[in-house]
Amino acid sequence: QVQLVESGGGLVQPGGSLRLSCAASGSIFNIPTMGWYRQAPGKQRELVATITRDGSTDYKASVQGRFTISRDNAKNTVYLRINSLKSEDTAVYYCNAAARSNWIPWGQGTQVTVSS
């Protein structure tokens, strides 16, 4: 069964940048659309960025222009570049299929904390 491992999070000052990675232990090529999710303390998990197999992207309005999702099908890895970090970006970030019907077991996520 495919496993997901997220990495790249950390403690960053407001305005900083991070690049998150999500490595799958098996092929994700057959998953049409992958996504990055985040879950802030006390809030539900939300989908913030998606990317199709051919590279088309879409973003939650609140992150548009600051988040960039990319995908390397050969490496079974999905990335999320986050620029101009804000305190409200503080959350645990996860990747998975964008469609619930294609979800695979969730990884442990990677913590992003934005604080001065």
N, C-alpha and C. Protein backbone atom coordinates (compact mmCIF):
# COMPACT_ATOMS: atom_id res chain seq x y z
N GLN A 1 0.85 -1.19 0.00
CA GLN A 1 0.00 0.00 0.00
C GLN A 1 0.88 1.24 0.00
N VAL A 2 0.49 2.23 -0.79
CA VAL A 2 1.28 3.45 -0.90
C VAL A 2 1.24 4.20 0.42
N GLN A 3 2.40 4.69 0.82
CA GLN A 3 2.50 5.53 2.01
C GLN A 3 3.00 6.91 1.61
N LEU A 4 2.55 7.91 2.35
CA LEU A 4 2.93 9.29 2.09
C LEU A 4 3.78 9.82 3.24
N VAL A 5 4.86 10.49 2.90
CA VAL A 5 5.74 11.07 3.91
C VAL A 5 5.96 12.54 3.57
N GLU A 6 5.44 13.41 4.42
CA GLU A 6 5.61 14.84 4.23
C GLU A 6 6.82 15.34 5.02
N SER A 7 7.48 16.34 4.47
CA SER A 7 8.65 16.92 5.14
C SER A 7 8.83 18.36 4.69
N GLY A 8 9.73 19.05 5.37
CA GLY A 8 10.09 20.40 4.97
C GLY A 8 9.52 21.51 5.83
N GLY A 9 8.69 21.16 6.78
CA GLY A 9 8.11 22.18 7.65
C GLY A 9 9.13 22.72 8.64
N GLY A 10 8.68 23.69 9.42
CA GLY A 10 9.56 24.26 10.43
C GLY A 10 9.00 25.53 11.01
N LEU A 11 9.83 26.18 11.80
CA LEU A 11 9.48 27.47 12.40
C LEU A 11 10.06 28.57 11.51
N VAL A 12 9.20 29.45 11.05
CA VAL A 12 9.60 30.48 10.11
C VAL A 12 9.02 31.82 10.55
N GLN A 13 9.76 32.87 10.32
CA GLN A 13 9.25 34.21 10.63
C GLN A 13 8.25 34.66 9.58
N PRO A 14 7.33 35.52 9.95
CA PRO A 14 6.41 36.07 8.95
C PRO A 14 7.17 36.65 7.77
N GLY A 15 6.67 36.37 6.58
CA GLY A 15 7.33 36.82 5.37
C GLY A 15 8.32 35.83 4.80
N GLY A 16 8.63 34.79 5.56
CA GLY A 16 9.59 33.80 5.10
C GLY A 16 8.99 32.82 4.11
N SER A 17 9.81 31.84 3.73
CA SER A 17 9.40 30.86 2.73
C SER A 17 9.77 29.45 3.18
N LEU A 18 9.05 28.50 2.65
CA LEU A 18 9.33 27.09 2.89
C LEU A 18 9.00 26.31 1.64
N ARG A 19 9.65 25.17 1.50
CA ARG A 19 9.29 24.23 0.43
C ARG A 19 8.98 22.90 1.09
N LEU A 20 7.75 22.48 0.99
CA LEU A 20 7.32 21.21 1.54
C LEU A 20 7.41 20.13 0.48
N SER A 21 7.70 18.93 0.91
CA SER A 21 7.76 17.79 0.01
C SER A 21 6.85 16.68 0.51
N CYS A 22 6.31 15.95 -0.40
CA CYS A 22 5.47 14.79 -0.07
C CYS A 22 5.93 13.64 -0.96
N ALA A 23 6.59 12.69 -0.35
CA ALA A 23 7.12 11.54 -1.09
C ALA A 23 6.20 10.34 -0.90
N ALA A 24 5.81 9.75 -2.00
CA ALA A 24 4.98 8.55 -1.96
C ALA A 24 5.85 7.32 -2.15
N SER A 25 5.53 6.27 -1.42
CA SER A 25 6.34 5.05 -1.49
C SER A 25 6.06 4.26 -2.75
N GLY A 26 5.00 4.60 -3.46
CA GLY A 26 4.66 3.94 -4.70
C GLY A 26 4.18 4.95 -5.71
N SER A 27 3.74 4.46 -6.84
CA SER A 27 3.32 5.36 -7.90
C SER A 27 2.05 6.12 -7.56
N ILE A 28 2.08 7.41 -7.84
CA ILE A 28 0.88 8.23 -7.71
C ILE A 28 0.41 8.69 -9.08
N PHE A 29 1.00 8.12 -10.10
CA PHE A 29 0.68 8.57 -11.45
C PHE A 29 -0.79 8.36 -11.77
N ASN A 30 -1.37 7.30 -11.22
CA ASN A 30 -2.77 6.99 -11.51
C ASN A 30 -3.75 7.84 -10.71
N ILE A 31 -3.23 8.66 -9.81
CA ILE A 31 -4.12 9.58 -9.09
C ILE A 31 -4.22 10.86 -9.92
N PRO A 32 -5.38 11.13 -10.48
CA PRO A 32 -5.49 12.25 -11.42
C PRO A 32 -5.09 13.60 -10.83
N THR A 33 -5.54 13.84 -9.61
CA THR A 33 -5.27 15.13 -8.99
C THR A 33 -4.79 14.91 -7.56
N MET A 34 -3.63 15.47 -7.27
CA MET A 34 -3.09 15.45 -5.92
C MET A 34 -3.29 16.81 -5.28
N GLY A 35 -3.29 16.82 -3.97
CA GLY A 35 -3.49 18.08 -3.28
C GLY A 35 -2.69 18.19 -2.00
N TRP A 36 -2.51 19.43 -1.59
CA TRP A 36 -1.97 19.72 -0.27
C TRP A 36 -3.11 20.22 0.61
N TYR A 37 -3.14 19.69 1.81
CA TYR A 37 -4.13 20.07 2.80
C TYR A 37 -3.40 20.68 4.00
N ARG A 38 -4.14 21.37 4.81
CA ARG A 38 -3.58 21.82 6.08
C ARG A 38 -4.65 21.79 7.16
N GLN A 39 -4.19 21.60 8.37
CA GLN A 39 -5.11 21.59 9.51
C GLN A 39 -4.51 22.44 10.62
N ALA A 40 -5.16 23.55 10.87
CA ALA A 40 -4.74 24.45 11.95
C ALA A 40 -5.36 23.97 13.26
N PRO A 41 -4.77 24.34 14.38
CA PRO A 41 -5.31 23.92 15.68
C PRO A 41 -6.77 24.30 15.83
N GLY A 42 -7.59 23.32 16.20
CA GLY A 42 -9.00 23.57 16.43
C GLY A 42 -9.84 23.73 15.18
N LYS A 43 -9.23 23.51 14.02
CA LYS A 43 -9.97 23.68 12.76
C LYS A 43 -9.96 22.39 11.96
N GLN A 44 -10.88 22.33 11.00
CA GLN A 44 -10.94 21.15 10.13
C GLN A 44 -9.83 21.21 9.09
N ARG A 45 -9.48 20.06 8.62
CA ARG A 45 -8.50 19.97 7.54
C ARG A 45 -9.10 20.61 6.29
N GLU A 46 -8.31 21.40 5.59
CA GLU A 46 -8.79 22.07 4.38
C GLU A 46 -7.81 21.85 3.23
N LEU A 47 -8.38 21.79 2.05
CA LEU A 47 -7.59 21.62 0.84
C LEU A 47 -7.15 23.00 0.37
N VAL A 48 -5.84 23.18 0.17
CA VAL A 48 -5.35 24.51 -0.19
C VAL A 48 -4.77 24.60 -1.60
N ALA A 49 -4.36 23.48 -2.16
CA ALA A 49 -3.78 23.52 -3.49
C ALA A 49 -3.94 22.15 -4.15
N THR A 50 -4.18 22.15 -5.44
CA THR A 50 -4.29 20.91 -6.19
C THR A 50 -3.48 20.97 -7.47
N ILE A 51 -3.10 19.79 -7.95
CA ILE A 51 -2.38 19.71 -9.22
C ILE A 51 -2.80 18.44 -9.94
N THR A 52 -3.13 18.58 -11.20
CA THR A 52 -3.52 17.42 -11.97
C THR A 52 -2.28 16.67 -12.46
N ARG A 53 -2.52 15.53 -13.06
CA ARG A 53 -1.42 14.70 -13.54
C ARG A 53 -0.61 15.43 -14.61
N ASP A 54 -1.28 16.29 -15.38
CA ASP A 54 -0.56 17.01 -16.43
C ASP A 54 -0.09 18.39 -16.00
N GLY A 55 -0.26 18.71 -14.70
CA GLY A 55 0.33 19.92 -14.18
C GLY A 55 -0.57 21.12 -14.02
N SER A 56 -1.84 20.98 -14.28
CA SER A 56 -2.76 22.09 -14.06
C SER A 56 -2.98 22.28 -12.55
N THR A 57 -2.96 23.53 -12.11
CA THR A 57 -3.03 23.80 -10.68
C THR A 57 -4.25 24.66 -10.32
N ASP A 58 -4.60 24.58 -9.05
CA ASP A 58 -5.69 25.39 -8.52
C ASP A 58 -5.41 25.64 -7.05
N TYR A 59 -5.86 26.79 -6.55
CA TYR A 59 -5.53 27.18 -5.19
C TYR A 59 -6.74 27.76 -4.47
N LYS A 60 -6.73 27.56 -3.17
CA LYS A 60 -7.70 28.25 -2.31
C LYS A 60 -7.41 29.74 -2.43
N ALA A 61 -8.45 30.54 -2.43
CA ALA A 61 -8.29 31.97 -2.67
C ALA A 61 -7.31 32.63 -1.70
N SER A 62 -7.33 32.19 -0.46
CA SER A 62 -6.50 32.84 0.56
C SER A 62 -5.01 32.58 0.39
N VAL A 63 -4.65 31.60 -0.45
CA VAL A 63 -3.23 31.30 -0.65
C VAL A 63 -2.78 31.59 -2.06
N GLN A 64 -3.71 31.96 -2.91
CA GLN A 64 -3.39 32.26 -4.31
C GLN A 64 -2.29 33.32 -4.38
N GLY A 65 -1.29 33.05 -5.19
CA GLY A 65 -0.19 33.99 -5.37
C GLY A 65 0.96 33.78 -4.40
N ARG A 66 0.72 33.03 -3.33
CA ARG A 66 1.79 32.77 -2.36
C ARG A 66 2.21 31.30 -2.35
N PHE A 67 1.30 30.43 -2.69
CA PHE A 67 1.56 28.99 -2.71
C PHE A 67 1.76 28.52 -4.15
N THR A 68 2.71 27.63 -4.34
CA THR A 68 2.92 27.02 -5.64
C THR A 68 3.07 25.52 -5.47
N ILE A 69 2.16 24.78 -6.07
CA ILE A 69 2.21 23.33 -6.00
C ILE A 69 2.85 22.80 -7.27
N SER A 70 3.64 21.75 -7.13
CA SER A 70 4.26 21.11 -8.29
C SER A 70 4.32 19.62 -8.04
N ARG A 71 4.64 18.92 -9.09
CA ARG A 71 4.54 17.45 -9.01
C ARG A 71 5.60 16.84 -9.91
N ASP A 72 6.29 15.85 -9.39
CA ASP A 72 7.27 15.10 -10.18
C ASP A 72 6.79 13.66 -10.22
N ASN A 73 6.11 13.29 -11.29
CA ASN A 73 5.54 11.95 -11.37
C ASN A 73 6.62 10.86 -11.38
N ALA A 74 7.76 11.17 -11.95
CA ALA A 74 8.85 10.18 -12.00
C ALA A 74 9.38 9.87 -10.60
N LYS A 75 9.35 10.87 -9.72
CA LYS A 75 9.84 10.68 -8.36
C LYS A 75 8.71 10.42 -7.37
N ASN A 76 7.48 10.38 -7.88
CA ASN A 76 6.31 10.17 -7.00
C ASN A 76 6.32 11.17 -5.84
N THR A 77 6.58 12.41 -6.16
CA THR A 77 6.70 13.44 -5.15
C THR A 77 5.90 14.67 -5.56
N VAL A 78 5.26 15.26 -4.56
CA VAL A 78 4.51 16.49 -4.74
C VAL A 78 5.13 17.54 -3.84
N TYR A 79 5.25 18.76 -4.34
CA TYR A 79 5.88 19.83 -3.59
C TYR A 79 4.91 20.98 -3.36
N LEU A 80 5.19 21.75 -2.33
CA LEU A 80 4.44 22.97 -2.09
C LEU A 80 5.42 24.05 -1.66
N ARG A 81 5.55 25.04 -2.49
CA ARG A 81 6.37 26.19 -2.16
C ARG A 81 5.46 27.24 -1.54
N ILE A 82 5.85 27.73 -0.37
CA ILE A 82 5.05 28.73 0.32
C ILE A 82 5.90 29.97 0.51
N ASN A 83 5.47 31.07 -0.04
CA ASN A 83 6.16 32.35 0.11
C ASN A 83 5.32 33.30 0.97
N SER A 84 5.96 34.34 1.45
CA SER A 84 5.26 35.39 2.22
C SER A 84 4.39 34.78 3.31
N LEU A 85 5.00 33.92 4.10
CA LEU A 85 4.25 33.21 5.13
C LEU A 85 3.61 34.17 6.12
N LYS A 86 2.39 33.82 6.53
CA LYS A 86 1.63 34.60 7.49
C LYS A 86 1.32 33.71 8.71
N SER A 87 1.01 34.35 9.80
CA SER A 87 0.71 33.58 11.01
C SER A 87 -0.46 32.62 10.79
N GLU A 88 -1.40 33.02 9.94
CA GLU A 88 -2.56 32.16 9.69
C GLU A 88 -2.23 30.94 8.84
N ASP A 89 -1.00 30.87 8.35
CA ASP A 89 -0.56 29.66 7.63
C ASP A 89 -0.08 28.58 8.59
N THR A 90 0.01 28.90 9.87
CA THR A 90 0.44 27.92 10.85
C THR A 90 -0.53 26.75 10.88
N ALA A 91 -0.01 25.56 10.65
CA ALA A 91 -0.85 24.37 10.55
C ALA A 91 0.04 23.16 10.32
N VAL A 92 -0.57 21.99 10.41
CA VAL A 92 0.09 20.78 9.94
C VAL A 92 -0.34 20.59 8.49
N TYR A 93 0.63 20.38 7.63
CA TYR A 93 0.38 20.25 6.20
C TYR A 93 0.51 18.78 5.78
N TYR A 94 -0.46 18.35 4.99
CA TYR A 94 -0.54 16.98 4.50
C TYR A 94 -0.73 16.99 2.99
N CYS A 95 -0.34 15.91 2.35
CA CYS A 95 -0.71 15.74 0.95
C CYS A 95 -1.54 14.47 0.81
N ASN A 96 -2.34 14.44 -0.21
CA ASN A 96 -3.16 13.28 -0.52
C ASN A 96 -3.88 13.56 -1.83
N ALA A 97 -4.62 12.59 -2.29
CA ALA A 97 -5.43 12.82 -3.47
C ALA A 97 -6.45 13.91 -3.19
N ALA A 98 -6.79 14.66 -4.20
CA ALA A 98 -7.76 15.73 -4.02
C ALA A 98 -9.17 15.18 -3.85
N ALA A 99 -9.45 14.09 -4.51
CA ALA A 99 -10.77 13.48 -4.42
C ALA A 99 -10.82 12.46 -3.29
N ARG A 100 -11.82 12.57 -2.46
CA ARG A 100 -11.95 11.67 -1.31
C ARG A 100 -11.95 10.21 -1.75
N SER A 101 -12.54 9.92 -2.89
CA SER A 101 -12.61 8.55 -3.38
C SER A 101 -11.24 7.97 -3.71
N ASN A 102 -10.25 8.84 -3.88
CA ASN A 102 -8.90 8.38 -4.21
C ASN A 102 -7.94 8.47 -3.03
N TRP A 103 -8.44 8.85 -1.86
CA TRP A 103 -7.56 8.99 -0.71
C TRP A 103 -6.81 7.71 -0.42
N ILE A 104 -5.55 7.91 -0.06
CA ILE A 104 -4.74 6.80 0.45
C ILE A 104 -4.42 7.14 1.90
N PRO A 105 -3.89 6.21 2.67
CA PRO A 105 -3.68 6.49 4.09
C PRO A 105 -2.88 7.78 4.30
N TRP A 106 -3.33 8.59 5.23
CA TRP A 106 -2.68 9.86 5.50
C TRP A 106 -1.31 9.67 6.14
N GLY A 107 -0.39 10.53 5.74
CA GLY A 107 0.90 10.55 6.39
C GLY A 107 0.83 11.30 7.71
N GLN A 108 1.98 11.52 8.30
CA GLN A 108 2.02 12.18 9.61
C GLN A 108 1.95 13.70 9.48
N GLY A 109 2.12 14.19 8.28
CA GLY A 109 2.09 15.63 8.06
C GLY A 109 3.41 16.29 8.46
N THR A 110 3.50 17.56 8.12
CA THR A 110 4.68 18.33 8.51
C THR A 110 4.19 19.66 9.10
N GLN A 111 4.74 20.01 10.24
CA GLN A 111 4.29 21.19 10.97
C GLN A 111 4.93 22.45 10.42
N VAL A 112 4.10 23.42 10.11
CA VAL A 112 4.57 24.75 9.73
C VAL A 112 4.10 25.73 10.79
N THR A 113 5.06 26.41 11.38
CA THR A 113 4.75 27.40 12.41
C THR A 113 5.33 28.74 11.98
N VAL A 114 4.47 29.73 11.90
CA VAL A 114 4.90 31.07 11.49
C VAL A 114 4.81 31.97 12.70
N SER A 115 5.95 32.43 13.14
CA SER A 115 5.99 33.25 14.35
C SER A 115 7.28 34.05 14.40
N SER A 116 7.17 35.24 14.95
CA SER A 116 8.37 36.06 15.12
C SER A 116 8.98 35.83 16.50
